[in-house]
Amino acid sequence: MSADRRASWFKGVLDLLVLASLTEGESYGYEIAKRLDAAGFGQIRGGTLYPVLNRLEEADLVAAEFRATEKGPGRRYYTLTPAGHRTLTEQGGLWLAFDTSVREVLGRAGVR
């Protein structure tokens, strides 16, 4: 149960995590996945990450630019748009308030 529950929590916040990872500057999918893995979220498969990036691009929350490379395949670089910054601030604040409420209830129940 815990692995399934954790996966659903992660999917619920992945959009915010991707937006937050782009506040450090432009990045491409593999690099975003590596950042989130290093932050403790585990390995994120392309089949999970790229649909999120596409959805964020369609919503004008990120902009994407394809760049060819001299060696290897080209990459799509993503940057946060002004709408993406606003969404991150608004939705991130809502998530933090939700987290605070959950911690309060769990704390009262003796969960640490």
PDB file of N, CA and C in Angstrom:
ATOM      1  N   MET A   1       0.814  -1.195   0.000  1.00  0.00           N
ATOM      2  CA  MET A   1       0.000   0.000   0.000  1.00  0.00           C
ATOM      3  C   MET A   1       0.859   1.262   0.000  1.00  0.00           C
ATOM      4  N   SER A   2       1.925   1.312   0.775  1.00  0.00           N
ATOM      5  CA  SER A   2       2.708   2.540   0.886  1.00  0.00           C
ATOM      6  C   SER A   2       3.336   2.957  -0.438  1.00  0.00           C
ATOM      7  N   ALA A   3       3.820   1.995  -1.234  1.00  0.00           N
ATOM      8  CA  ALA A   3       4.418   2.346  -2.523  1.00  0.00           C
ATOM      9  C   ALA A   3       3.360   2.926  -3.456  1.00  0.00           C
ATOM     10  N   ASP A   4       2.162   2.326  -3.474  1.00  0.00           N
ATOM     11  CA  ASP A   4       1.093   2.847  -4.317  1.00  0.00           C
ATOM     12  C   ASP A   4       0.667   4.238  -3.858  1.00  0.00           C
ATOM     13  N   ARG A   5       0.554   4.417  -2.566  1.00  0.00           N
ATOM     14  CA  ARG A   5       0.140   5.710  -2.009  1.00  0.00           C
ATOM     15  C   ARG A   5       1.178   6.783  -2.326  1.00  0.00           C
ATOM     16  N   ARG A   6       2.437   6.443  -2.139  1.00  0.00           N
ATOM     17  CA  ARG A   6       3.522   7.395  -2.403  1.00  0.00           C
ATOM     18  C   ARG A   6       3.529   7.804  -3.876  1.00  0.00           C
ATOM     19  N   ALA A   7       3.280   6.861  -4.769  1.00  0.00           N
ATOM     20  CA  ALA A   7       3.243   7.160  -6.203  1.00  0.00           C
ATOM     21  C   ALA A   7       2.112   8.133  -6.523  1.00  0.00           C
ATOM     22  N   SER A   8       0.954   7.952  -5.904  1.00  0.00           N
ATOM     23  CA  SER A   8      -0.157   8.867  -6.177  1.00  0.00           C
ATOM     24  C   SER A   8       0.121  10.250  -5.602  1.00  0.00           C
ATOM     25  N   TRP A   9       0.774  10.317  -4.435  1.00  0.00           N
ATOM     26  CA  TRP A   9       1.155  11.633  -3.889  1.00  0.00           C
ATOM     27  C   TRP A   9       2.117  12.333  -4.841  1.00  0.00           C
ATOM     28  N   PHE A  10       3.079  11.569  -5.335  1.00  0.00           N
ATOM     29  CA  PHE A  10       4.088  12.123  -6.232  1.00  0.00           C
ATOM     30  C   PHE A  10       3.455  12.657  -7.512  1.00  0.00           C
ATOM     31  N   LYS A  11       2.553  11.873  -8.093  1.00  0.00           N
ATOM     32  CA  LYS A  11       1.888  12.331  -9.319  1.00  0.00           C
ATOM     33  C   LYS A  11       1.090  13.607  -9.071  1.00  0.00           C
ATOM     34  N   GLY A  12       0.537  13.741  -7.862  1.00  0.00           N
ATOM     35  CA  GLY A  12      -0.240  14.928  -7.536  1.00  0.00           C
ATOM     36  C   GLY A  12       0.580  16.195  -7.417  1.00  0.00           C
ATOM     37  N   VAL A  13       1.866  16.063  -7.186  1.00  0.00           N
ATOM     38  CA  VAL A  13       2.714  17.232  -6.977  1.00  0.00           C
ATOM     39  C   VAL A  13       3.811  17.363  -8.042  1.00  0.00           C
ATOM     40  N   LEU A  14       3.877  16.422  -8.978  1.00  0.00           N
ATOM     41  CA  LEU A  14       4.944  16.427  -9.971  1.00  0.00           C
ATOM     42  C   LEU A  14       4.964  17.702 -10.813  1.00  0.00           C
ATOM     43  N   ASP A  15       3.816  18.213 -11.211  1.00  0.00           N
ATOM     44  CA  ASP A  15       3.796  19.451 -11.994  1.00  0.00           C
ATOM     45  C   ASP A  15       4.516  20.570 -11.238  1.00  0.00           C
ATOM     46  N   LEU A  16       4.220  20.713  -9.955  1.00  0.00           N
ATOM     47  CA  LEU A  16       4.862  21.750  -9.145  1.00  0.00           C
ATOM     48  C   LEU A  16       6.357  21.519  -9.021  1.00  0.00           C
ATOM     49  N   LEU A  17       6.753  20.269  -8.864  1.00  0.00           N
ATOM     50  CA  LEU A  17       8.170  19.960  -8.736  1.00  0.00           C
ATOM     51  C   LEU A  17       8.924  20.290 -10.021  1.00  0.00           C
ATOM     52  N   VAL A  18       8.319  20.017 -11.153  1.00  0.00           N
ATOM     53  CA  VAL A  18       8.948  20.345 -12.435  1.00  0.00           C
ATOM     54  C   VAL A  18       9.057  21.855 -12.582  1.00  0.00           C
ATOM     55  N   LEU A  19       7.981  22.583 -12.275  1.00  0.00           N
ATOM     56  CA  LEU A  19       8.042  24.040 -12.348  1.00  0.00           C
ATOM     57  C   LEU A  19       9.123  24.570 -11.408  1.00  0.00           C
ATOM     58  N   ALA A  20       9.178  24.050 -10.198  1.00  0.00           N
ATOM     59  CA  ALA A  20      10.169  24.506  -9.226  1.00  0.00           C
ATOM     60  C   ALA A  20      11.592  24.220  -9.710  1.00  0.00           C
ATOM     61  N   SER A  21      11.789  23.087 -10.370  1.00  0.00           N
ATOM     62  CA  SER A  21      13.135  22.749 -10.847  1.00  0.00           C
ATOM     63  C   SER A  21      13.595  23.711 -11.936  1.00  0.00           C
ATOM     64  N   LEU A  22      12.660  24.355 -12.607  1.00  0.00           N
ATOM     65  CA  LEU A  22      13.025  25.295 -13.673  1.00  0.00           C
ATOM     66  C   LEU A  22      13.285  26.711 -13.163  1.00  0.00           C
ATOM     67  N   THR A  23      13.097  26.953 -11.882  1.00  0.00           N
ATOM     68  CA  THR A  23      13.404  28.285 -11.340  1.00  0.00           C
ATOM     69  C   THR A  23      14.906  28.536 -11.338  1.00  0.00           C
ATOM     70  N   GLU A  24      15.699  27.470 -11.423  1.00  0.00           N
ATOM     71  CA  GLU A  24      17.153  27.606 -11.457  1.00  0.00           C
ATOM     72  C   GLU A  24      17.649  27.927 -12.864  1.00  0.00           C
ATOM     73  N   GLY A  25      16.766  27.955 -13.843  1.00  0.00           N
ATOM     74  CA  GLY A  25      17.143  28.237 -15.218  1.00  0.00           C
ATOM     75  C   GLY A  25      16.680  27.135 -16.145  1.00  0.00           C
ATOM     76  N   GLU A  26      16.953  27.319 -17.429  1.00  0.00           N
ATOM     77  CA  GLU A  26      16.496  26.354 -18.421  1.00  0.00           C
ATOM     78  C   GLU A  26      17.119  24.987 -18.180  1.00  0.00           C
ATOM     79  N   SER A  27      16.401  23.983 -18.632  1.00  0.00           N
ATOM     80  CA  SER A  27      16.863  22.613 -18.439  1.00  0.00           C
ATOM     81  C   SER A  27      16.175  21.715 -19.446  1.00  0.00           C
ATOM     82  N   TYR A  28      16.688  20.513 -19.588  1.00  0.00           N
ATOM     83  CA  TYR A  28      16.061  19.517 -20.457  1.00  0.00           C
ATOM     84  C   TYR A  28      15.586  18.356 -19.595  1.00  0.00           C
ATOM     85  N   GLY A  29      14.765  17.504 -20.162  1.00  0.00           N
ATOM     86  CA  GLY A  29      14.071  16.475 -19.399  1.00  0.00           C
ATOM     87  C   GLY A  29      14.953  15.601 -18.534  1.00  0.00           C
ATOM     88  N   TYR A  30      16.027  15.075 -19.108  1.00  0.00           N
ATOM     89  CA  TYR A  30      16.891  14.173 -18.341  1.00  0.00           C
ATOM     90  C   TYR A  30      17.500  14.894 -17.140  1.00  0.00           C
ATOM     91  N   GLU A  31      17.876  16.143 -17.336  1.00  0.00           N
ATOM     92  CA  GLU A  31      18.465  16.929 -16.249  1.00  0.00           C
ATOM     93  C   GLU A  31      17.435  17.196 -15.145  1.00  0.00           C
ATOM     94  N   ILE A  32      16.198  17.469 -15.534  1.00  0.00           N
ATOM     95  CA  ILE A  32      15.120  17.663 -14.556  1.00  0.00           C
ATOM     96  C   ILE A  32      14.927  16.381 -13.748  1.00  0.00           C
ATOM     97  N   ALA A  33      14.897  15.258 -14.442  1.00  0.00           N
ATOM     98  CA  ALA A  33      14.730  13.975 -13.761  1.00  0.00           C
ATOM     99  C   ALA A  33      15.873  13.713 -12.789  1.00  0.00           C
ATOM    100  N   LYS A  34      17.111  14.046 -13.184  1.00  0.00           N
ATOM    101  CA  LYS A  34      18.255  13.857 -12.299  1.00  0.00           C
ATOM    102  C   LYS A  34      18.144  14.743 -11.055  1.00  0.00           C
ATOM    103  N   ARG A  35      17.700  15.973 -11.229  1.00  0.00           N
ATOM    104  CA  ARG A  35      17.529  16.881 -10.079  1.00  0.00           C
ATOM    105  C   ARG A  35      16.507  16.322  -9.091  1.00  0.00           C
ATOM    106  N   LEU A  36      15.399  15.856  -9.621  1.00  0.00           N
ATOM    107  CA  LEU A  36      14.354  15.334  -8.739  1.00  0.00           C
ATOM    108  C   LEU A  36      14.799  14.042  -8.065  1.00  0.00           C
ATOM    109  N   ASP A  37      15.554  13.219  -8.766  1.00  0.00           N
ATOM    110  CA  ASP A  37      16.106  12.008  -8.170  1.00  0.00           C
ATOM    111  C   ASP A  37      17.049  12.384  -7.029  1.00  0.00           C
ATOM    112  N   ALA A  38      17.923  13.352  -7.269  1.00  0.00           N
ATOM    113  CA  ALA A  38      18.871  13.789  -6.240  1.00  0.00           C
ATOM    114  C   ALA A  38      18.148  14.388  -5.032  1.00  0.00           C
ATOM    115  N   ALA A  39      16.958  14.940  -5.250  1.00  0.00           N
ATOM    116  CA  ALA A  39      16.175  15.517  -4.153  1.00  0.00           C
ATOM    117  C   ALA A  39      15.440  14.449  -3.347  1.00  0.00           C
ATOM    118  N   GLY A  40      15.539  13.188  -3.789  1.00  0.00           N
ATOM    119  CA  GLY A  40      14.948  12.100  -3.025  1.00  0.00           C
ATOM    120  C   GLY A  40      13.658  11.527  -3.579  1.00  0.00           C
ATOM    121  N   PHE A  41      13.279  11.910  -4.778  1.00  0.00           N
ATOM    122  CA  PHE A  41      12.028  11.427  -5.358  1.00  0.00           C
ATOM    123  C   PHE A  41      12.194  10.154  -6.175  1.00  0.00           C
ATOM    124  N   GLY A  42      13.411   9.686  -6.321  1.00  0.00           N
ATOM    125  CA  GLY A  42      13.648   8.465  -7.069  1.00  0.00           C
ATOM    126  C   GLY A  42      13.736   8.730  -8.559  1.00  0.00           C
ATOM    127  N   GLN A  43      13.985   7.662  -9.277  1.00  0.00           N
ATOM    128  CA  GLN A  43      14.133   7.749 -10.728  1.00  0.00           C
ATOM    129  C   GLN A  43      12.774   7.982 -11.374  1.00  0.00           C
ATOM    130  N   ILE A  44      12.708   8.981 -12.221  1.00  0.00           N
ATOM    131  CA  ILE A  44      11.465   9.318 -12.919  1.00  0.00           C
ATOM    132  C   ILE A  44      11.635   8.918 -14.378  1.00  0.00           C
ATOM    133  N   ARG A  45      10.760   8.085 -14.833  1.00  0.00           N
ATOM    134  CA  ARG A  45      10.834   7.602 -16.214  1.00  0.00           C
ATOM    135  C   ARG A  45      10.336   8.672 -17.186  1.00  0.00           C
ATOM    136  N   GLY A  46      10.870   8.591 -18.389  1.00  0.00           N
ATOM    137  CA  GLY A  46      10.454   9.516 -19.434  1.00  0.00           C
ATOM    138  C   GLY A  46       8.965   9.456 -19.698  1.00  0.00           C
ATOM    139  N   GLY A  47       8.377   8.261 -19.582  1.00  0.00           N
ATOM    140  CA  GLY A  47       6.938   8.100 -19.803  1.00  0.00           C
ATOM    141  C   GLY A  47       6.100   8.815 -18.764  1.00  0.00           C
ATOM    142  N   THR A  48       6.712   9.181 -17.657  1.00  0.00           N
ATOM    143  CA  THR A  48       6.037   9.969 -16.624  1.00  0.00           C
ATOM    144  C   THR A  48       6.350  11.450 -16.796  1.00  0.00           C
ATOM    145  N   LEU A  49       7.624  11.774 -17.015  1.00  0.00           N
ATOM    146  CA  LEU A  49       8.063  13.171 -17.055  1.00  0.00           C
ATOM    147  C   LEU A  49       7.634  13.910 -18.318  1.00  0.00           C
ATOM    148  N   TYR A  50       7.818  13.300 -19.485  1.00  0.00           N
ATOM    149  CA  TYR A  50       7.567  14.044 -20.724  1.00  0.00           C
ATOM    150  C   TYR A  50       6.098  14.407 -20.940  1.00  0.00           C
ATOM    151  N   PRO A  51       5.154  13.586 -20.560  1.00  0.00           N
ATOM    152  CA  PRO A  51       3.759  14.054 -20.644  1.00  0.00           C
ATOM    153  C   PRO A  51       3.495  15.267 -19.742  1.00  0.00           C
ATOM    154  N   VAL A  52       4.153  15.322 -18.590  1.00  0.00           N
ATOM    155  CA  VAL A  52       4.016  16.489 -17.701  1.00  0.00           C
ATOM    156  C   VAL A  52       4.588  17.726 -18.397  1.00  0.00           C
ATOM    157  N   LEU A  53       5.775  17.591 -18.957  1.00  0.00           N
ATOM    158  CA  LEU A  53       6.386  18.725 -19.658  1.00  0.00           C
ATOM    159  C   LEU A  53       5.522  19.178 -20.831  1.00  0.00           C
ATOM    160  N   ASN A  54       4.968  18.235 -21.588  1.00  0.00           N
ATOM    161  CA  ASN A  54       4.088  18.591 -22.702  1.00  0.00           C
ATOM    162  C   ASN A  54       2.837  19.314 -22.217  1.00  0.00           C
ATOM    163  N   ARG A  55       2.250  18.822 -21.131  1.00  0.00           N
ATOM    164  CA  ARG A  55       1.047  19.454 -20.568  1.00  0.00           C
ATOM    165  C   ARG A  55       1.368  20.870 -20.078  1.00  0.00           C
ATOM    166  N   LEU A  56       2.517  21.045 -19.426  1.00  0.00           N
ATOM    167  CA  LEU A  56       2.913  22.368 -18.946  1.00  0.00           C
ATOM    168  C   LEU A  56       3.185  23.316 -20.108  1.00  0.00           C
ATOM    169  N   GLU A  57       3.747  22.788 -21.189  1.00  0.00           N
ATOM    170  CA  GLU A  57       3.987  23.611 -22.370  1.00  0.00           C
ATOM    171  C   GLU A  57       2.664  24.021 -23.018  1.00  0.00           C
ATOM    172  N   GLU A  58       1.736  23.096 -23.142  1.00  0.00           N
ATOM    173  CA  GLU A  58       0.428  23.409 -23.732  1.00  0.00           C
ATOM    174  C   GLU A  58      -0.322  24.444 -22.901  1.00  0.00           C
ATOM    175  N   ALA A  59      -0.104  24.448 -21.596  1.00  0.00           N
ATOM    176  CA  ALA A  59      -0.756  25.410 -20.698  1.00  0.00           C
ATOM    177  C   ALA A  59       0.014  26.728 -20.625  1.00  0.00           C
ATOM    178  N   ASP A  60       1.082  26.871 -21.412  1.00  0.00           N
ATOM    179  CA  ASP A  60       1.927  28.062 -21.439  1.00  0.00           C
ATOM    180  C   ASP A  60       2.597  28.333 -20.090  1.00  0.00           C
ATOM    181  N   LEU A  61       2.878  27.279 -19.343  1.00  0.00           N
ATOM    182  CA  LEU A  61       3.584  27.428 -18.067  1.00  0.00           C
ATOM    183  C   LEU A  61       5.088  27.241 -18.254  1.00  0.00           C
ATOM    184  N   VAL A  62       5.456  26.535 -19.317  1.00  0.00           N
ATOM    185  CA  VAL A  62       6.857  26.426 -19.722  1.00  0.00           C
ATOM    186  C   VAL A  62       6.938  26.661 -21.222  1.00  0.00           C
ATOM    187  N   ALA A  63       8.086  27.142 -21.653  1.00  0.00           N
ATOM    188  CA  ALA A  63       8.367  27.285 -23.076  1.00  0.00           C
ATOM    189  C   ALA A  63       9.450  26.269 -23.413  1.00  0.00           C
ATOM    190  N   ALA A  64       9.392  25.720 -24.623  1.00  0.00           N
ATOM    191  CA  ALA A  64      10.366  24.713 -25.035  1.00  0.00           C
ATOM    192  C   ALA A  64      11.045  25.143 -26.321  1.00  0.00           C
ATOM    193  N   GLU A  65      12.322  24.808 -26.405  1.00  0.00           N
ATOM    194  CA  GLU A  65      13.097  25.101 -27.604  1.00  0.00           C
ATOM    195  C   GLU A  65      13.966  23.889 -27.917  1.00  0.00           C
ATOM    196  N   PHE A  66      13.864  23.398 -29.136  1.00  0.00           N
ATOM    197  CA  PHE A  66      14.690  22.270 -29.559  1.00  0.00           C
ATOM    198  C   PHE A  66      16.041  22.795 -30.027  1.00  0.00           C
ATOM    199  N   ARG A  67      17.097  22.144 -29.570  1.00  0.00           N
ATOM    200  CA  ARG A  67      18.448  22.514 -29.988  1.00  0.00           C
ATOM    201  C   ARG A  67      19.187  21.267 -30.465  1.00  0.00           C
ATOM    202  N   ALA A  68      19.735  21.377 -31.657  1.00  0.00           N
ATOM    203  CA  ALA A  68      20.559  20.294 -32.198  1.00  0.00           C
ATOM    204  C   ALA A  68      21.904  20.310 -31.477  1.00  0.00           C
ATOM    205  N   THR A  69      22.528  19.161 -31.410  1.00  0.00           N
ATOM    206  CA  THR A  69      23.859  19.060 -30.813  1.00  0.00           C
ATOM    207  C   THR A  69      24.813  18.479 -31.841  1.00  0.00           C
ATOM    208  N   GLU A  70      26.091  18.755 -31.650  1.00  0.00           N
ATOM    209  CA  GLU A  70      27.086  18.222 -32.587  1.00  0.00           C
ATOM    210  C   GLU A  70      27.203  16.718 -32.459  1.00  0.00           C
ATOM    211  N   LYS A  71      27.109  16.232 -31.229  1.00  0.00           N
ATOM    212  CA  LYS A  71      27.192  14.788 -30.982  1.00  0.00           C
ATOM    213  C   LYS A  71      25.924  14.348 -30.284  1.00  0.00           C
ATOM    214  N   GLY A  72      25.353  13.290 -30.760  1.00  0.00           N
ATOM    215  CA  GLY A  72      24.155  12.753 -30.121  1.00  0.00           C
ATOM    216  C   GLY A  72      22.892  13.467 -30.571  1.00  0.00           C
ATOM    217  N   PRO A  73      21.781  13.039 -29.988  1.00  0.00           N
ATOM    218  CA  PRO A  73      20.495  13.622 -30.395  1.00  0.00           C
ATOM    219  C   PRO A  73      20.320  15.038 -29.843  1.00  0.00           C
ATOM    220  N   GLY A  74      19.462  15.809 -30.507  1.00  0.00           N
ATOM    221  CA  GLY A  74      19.135  17.134 -30.008  1.00  0.00           C
ATOM    222  C   GLY A  74      18.300  17.037 -28.739  1.00  0.00           C
ATOM    223  N   ARG A  75      18.126  18.167 -28.089  1.00  0.00           N
ATOM    224  CA  ARG A  75      17.353  18.201 -26.840  1.00  0.00           C
ATOM    225  C   ARG A  75      16.366  19.346 -26.862  1.00  0.00           C
ATOM    226  N   ARG A  76      15.263  19.126 -26.146  1.00  0.00           N
ATOM    227  CA  ARG A  76      14.297  20.202 -25.921  1.00  0.00           C
ATOM    228  C   ARG A  76      14.627  20.828 -24.571  1.00  0.00           C
ATOM    229  N   TYR A  77      14.912  22.117 -24.591  1.00  0.00           N
ATOM    230  CA  TYR A  77      15.203  22.856 -23.369  1.00  0.00           C
ATOM    231  C   TYR A  77      13.938  23.591 -22.936  1.00  0.00           C
ATOM    232  N   TYR A  78      13.658  23.513 -21.657  1.00  0.00           N
ATOM    233  CA  TYR A  78      12.447  24.097 -21.091  1.00  0.00           C
ATOM    234  C   TYR A  78      12.801  25.265 -20.187  1.00  0.00           C
ATOM    235  N   THR A  79      11.994  26.316 -20.275  1.00  0.00           N
ATOM    236  CA  THR A  79      12.137  27.465 -19.381  1.00  0.00           C
ATOM    237  C   THR A  79      10.764  27.807 -18.805  1.00  0.00           C
ATOM    238  N   LEU A  80      10.793  28.382 -17.641  1.00  0.00           N
ATOM    239  CA  LEU A  80       9.568  28.794 -16.973  1.00  0.00           C
ATOM    240  C   LEU A  80       9.069  30.094 -17.600  1.00  0.00           C
ATOM    241  N   THR A  81       7.799  30.164 -17.913  1.00  0.00           N
ATOM    242  CA  THR A  81       7.205  31.394 -18.445  1.00  0.00           C
ATOM    243  C   THR A  81       6.708  32.251 -17.268  1.00  0.00           C
ATOM    244  N   PRO A  82       6.343  33.505 -17.526  1.00  0.00           N
ATOM    245  CA  PRO A  82       5.756  34.310 -16.451  1.00  0.00           C
ATOM    246  C   PRO A  82       4.514  33.647 -15.842  1.00  0.00           C
ATOM    247  N   ALA A  83       3.685  33.028 -16.681  1.00  0.00           N
ATOM    248  CA  ALA A  83       2.506  32.311 -16.163  1.00  0.00           C
ATOM    249  C   ALA A  83       2.941  31.129 -15.304  1.00  0.00           C
ATOM    250  N   GLY A  84       4.043  30.482 -15.675  1.00  0.00           N
ATOM    251  CA  GLY A  84       4.572  29.375 -14.895  1.00  0.00           C
ATOM    252  C   GLY A  84       5.053  29.838 -13.526  1.00  0.00           C
ATOM    253  N   HIS A  85       5.709  31.000 -13.487  1.00  0.00           N
ATOM    254  CA  HIS A  85       6.139  31.575 -12.201  1.00  0.00           C
ATOM    255  C   HIS A  85       4.929  31.859 -11.310  1.00  0.00           C
ATOM    256  N   ARG A  86       3.908  32.470 -11.894  1.00  0.00           N
ATOM    257  CA  ARG A  86       2.696  32.789 -11.109  1.00  0.00           C
ATOM    258  C   ARG A  86       2.026  31.519 -10.592  1.00  0.00           C
ATOM    259  N   THR A  87       1.910  30.526 -11.466  1.00  0.00           N
ATOM    260  CA  THR A  87       1.286  29.264 -11.069  1.00  0.00           C
ATOM    261  C   THR A  87       2.080  28.589  -9.964  1.00  0.00           C
ATOM    262  N   LEU A  88       3.391  28.581 -10.095  1.00  0.00           N
ATOM    263  CA  LEU A  88       4.236  27.977  -9.067  1.00  0.00           C
ATOM    264  C   LEU A  88       4.026  28.676  -7.727  1.00  0.00           C
ATOM    265  N   THR A  89       3.987  29.993  -7.738  1.00  0.00           N
ATOM    266  CA  THR A  89       3.789  30.741  -6.498  1.00  0.00           C
ATOM    267  C   THR A  89       2.426  30.436  -5.888  1.00  0.00           C
ATOM    268  N   GLU A  90       1.375  30.492  -6.711  1.00  0.00           N
ATOM    269  CA  GLU A  90       0.008  30.263  -6.207  1.00  0.00           C
ATOM    270  C   GLU A  90      -0.199  28.817  -5.760  1.00  0.00           C
ATOM    271  N   GLN A  91       0.087  27.875  -6.651  1.00  0.00           N
ATOM    272  CA  GLN A  91      -0.146  26.465  -6.344  1.00  0.00           C
ATOM    273  C   GLN A  91       0.843  25.943  -5.307  1.00  0.00           C
ATOM    274  N   GLY A  92       2.065  26.464  -5.346  1.00  0.00           N
ATOM    275  CA  GLY A  92       3.044  26.079  -4.341  1.00  0.00           C
ATOM    276  C   GLY A  92       2.605  26.514  -2.951  1.00  0.00           C
ATOM    277  N   GLY A  93       2.037  27.707  -2.853  1.00  0.00           N
ATOM    278  CA  GLY A  93       1.511  28.171  -1.567  1.00  0.00           C
ATOM    279  C   GLY A  93       0.368  27.305  -1.079  1.00  0.00           C
ATOM    280  N   LEU A  94      -0.505  26.906  -1.992  1.00  0.00           N
ATOM    281  CA  LEU A  94      -1.606  26.019  -1.617  1.00  0.00           C
ATOM    282  C   LEU A  94      -1.084  24.667  -1.150  1.00  0.00           C
ATOM    283  N   TRP A  95      -0.065  24.137  -1.839  1.00  0.00           N
ATOM    284  CA  TRP A  95       0.509  22.853  -1.435  1.00  0.00           C
ATOM    285  C   TRP A  95       1.127  22.963  -0.041  1.00  0.00           C
ATOM    286  N   LEU A  96       1.858  24.043   0.212  1.00  0.00           N
ATOM    287  CA  LEU A  96       2.492  24.206   1.524  1.00  0.00           C
ATOM    288  C   LEU A  96       1.447  24.332   2.630  1.00  0.00           C
ATOM    289  N   ALA A  97       0.341  25.011   2.356  1.00  0.00           N
ATOM    290  CA  ALA A  97      -0.735  25.099   3.346  1.00  0.00           C
ATOM    291  C   ALA A  97      -1.347  23.722   3.593  1.00  0.00           C
ATOM    292  N   PHE A  98      -1.528  22.955   2.535  1.00  0.00           N
ATOM    293  CA  PHE A  98      -2.043  21.592   2.655  1.00  0.00           C
ATOM    294  C   PHE A  98      -1.086  20.748   3.491  1.00  0.00           C
ATOM    295  N   ASP A  99       0.210  20.846   3.200  1.00  0.00           N
ATOM    296  CA  ASP A  99       1.235  20.105   3.937  1.00  0.00           C
ATOM    297  C   ASP A  99       1.188  20.466   5.425  1.00  0.00           C
ATOM    298  N   THR A 100       1.040  21.732   5.717  1.00  0.00           N
ATOM    299  CA  THR A 100       0.955  22.174   7.111  1.00  0.00           C
ATOM    300  C   THR A 100      -0.243  21.553   7.806  1.00  0.00           C
ATOM    301  N   SER A 101      -1.373  21.531   7.134  1.00  0.00           N
ATOM    302  CA  SER A 101      -2.581  20.933   7.712  1.00  0.00           C
ATOM    303  C   SER A 101      -2.399  19.438   7.957  1.00  0.00           C
ATOM    304  N   VAL A 102      -1.814  18.742   7.013  1.00  0.00           N
ATOM    305  CA  VAL A 102      -1.576  17.306   7.163  1.00  0.00           C
ATOM    306  C   VAL A 102      -0.639  17.063   8.339  1.00  0.00           C
ATOM    307  N   ARG A 103       0.435  17.833   8.420  1.00  0.00           N
ATOM    308  CA  ARG A 103       1.392  17.665   9.523  1.00  0.00           C
ATOM    309  C   ARG A 103       0.727  17.927  10.874  1.00  0.00           C
ATOM    310  N   GLU A 104      -0.135  18.922  10.905  1.00  0.00           N
ATOM    311  CA  GLU A 104      -0.831  19.232  12.167  1.00  0.00           C
ATOM    312  C   GLU A 104      -1.704  18.084  12.619  1.00  0.00           C
ATOM    313  N   VAL A 105      -2.485  17.533  11.709  1.00  0.00           N
ATOM    314  CA  VAL A 105      -3.373  16.422  12.049  1.00  0.00           C
ATOM    315  C   VAL A 105      -2.557  15.185  12.448  1.00  0.00           C
ATOM    316  N   LEU A 106      -1.530  14.877  11.670  1.00  0.00           N
ATOM    317  CA  LEU A 106      -0.691  13.723  11.993  1.00  0.00           C
ATOM    318  C   LEU A 106       0.052  13.916  13.312  1.00  0.00           C
ATOM    319  N   GLY A 107       0.498  15.119  13.568  1.00  0.00           N
ATOM    320  CA  GLY A 107       1.191  15.414  14.822  1.00  0.00           C
ATOM    321  C   GLY A 107       0.290  15.205  16.033  1.00  0.00           C
ATOM    322  N   ARG A 108      -0.969  15.641  15.916  1.00  0.00           N
ATOM    323  CA  ARG A 108      -1.938  15.429  16.998  1.00  0.00           C
ATOM    324  C   ARG A 108      -2.197  13.943  17.227  1.00  0.00           C
ATOM    325  N   ALA A 109      -2.020  13.149  16.170  1.00  0.00           N
ATOM    326  CA  ALA A 109      -2.222  11.704  16.287  1.00  0.00           C
ATOM    327  C   ALA A 109      -0.952  10.997  16.770  1.00  0.00           C
ATOM    328  N   GLY A 110       0.097  11.766  17.004  1.00  0.00           N
ATOM    329  CA  GLY A 110       1.335  11.187  17.510  1.00  0.00           C
ATOM    330  C   GLY A 110       2.272  10.664  16.449  1.00  0.00           C
ATOM    331  N   VAL A 111       1.991  10.961  15.197  1.00  0.00           N
ATOM    332  CA  VAL A 111       2.855  10.517  14.102  1.00  0.00           C
ATOM    333  C   VAL A 111       4.000  11.521  13.960  1.00  0.00           C
ATOM    334  N   ARG A 112       5.182  11.006  13.937  1.00  0.00           N
ATOM    335  CA  ARG A 112       6.371  11.896  13.809  1.00  0.00           C
ATOM    336  C   ARG A 112       7.222  11.450  12.668  1.00  0.00           C
TER     337      ARG A 112
END
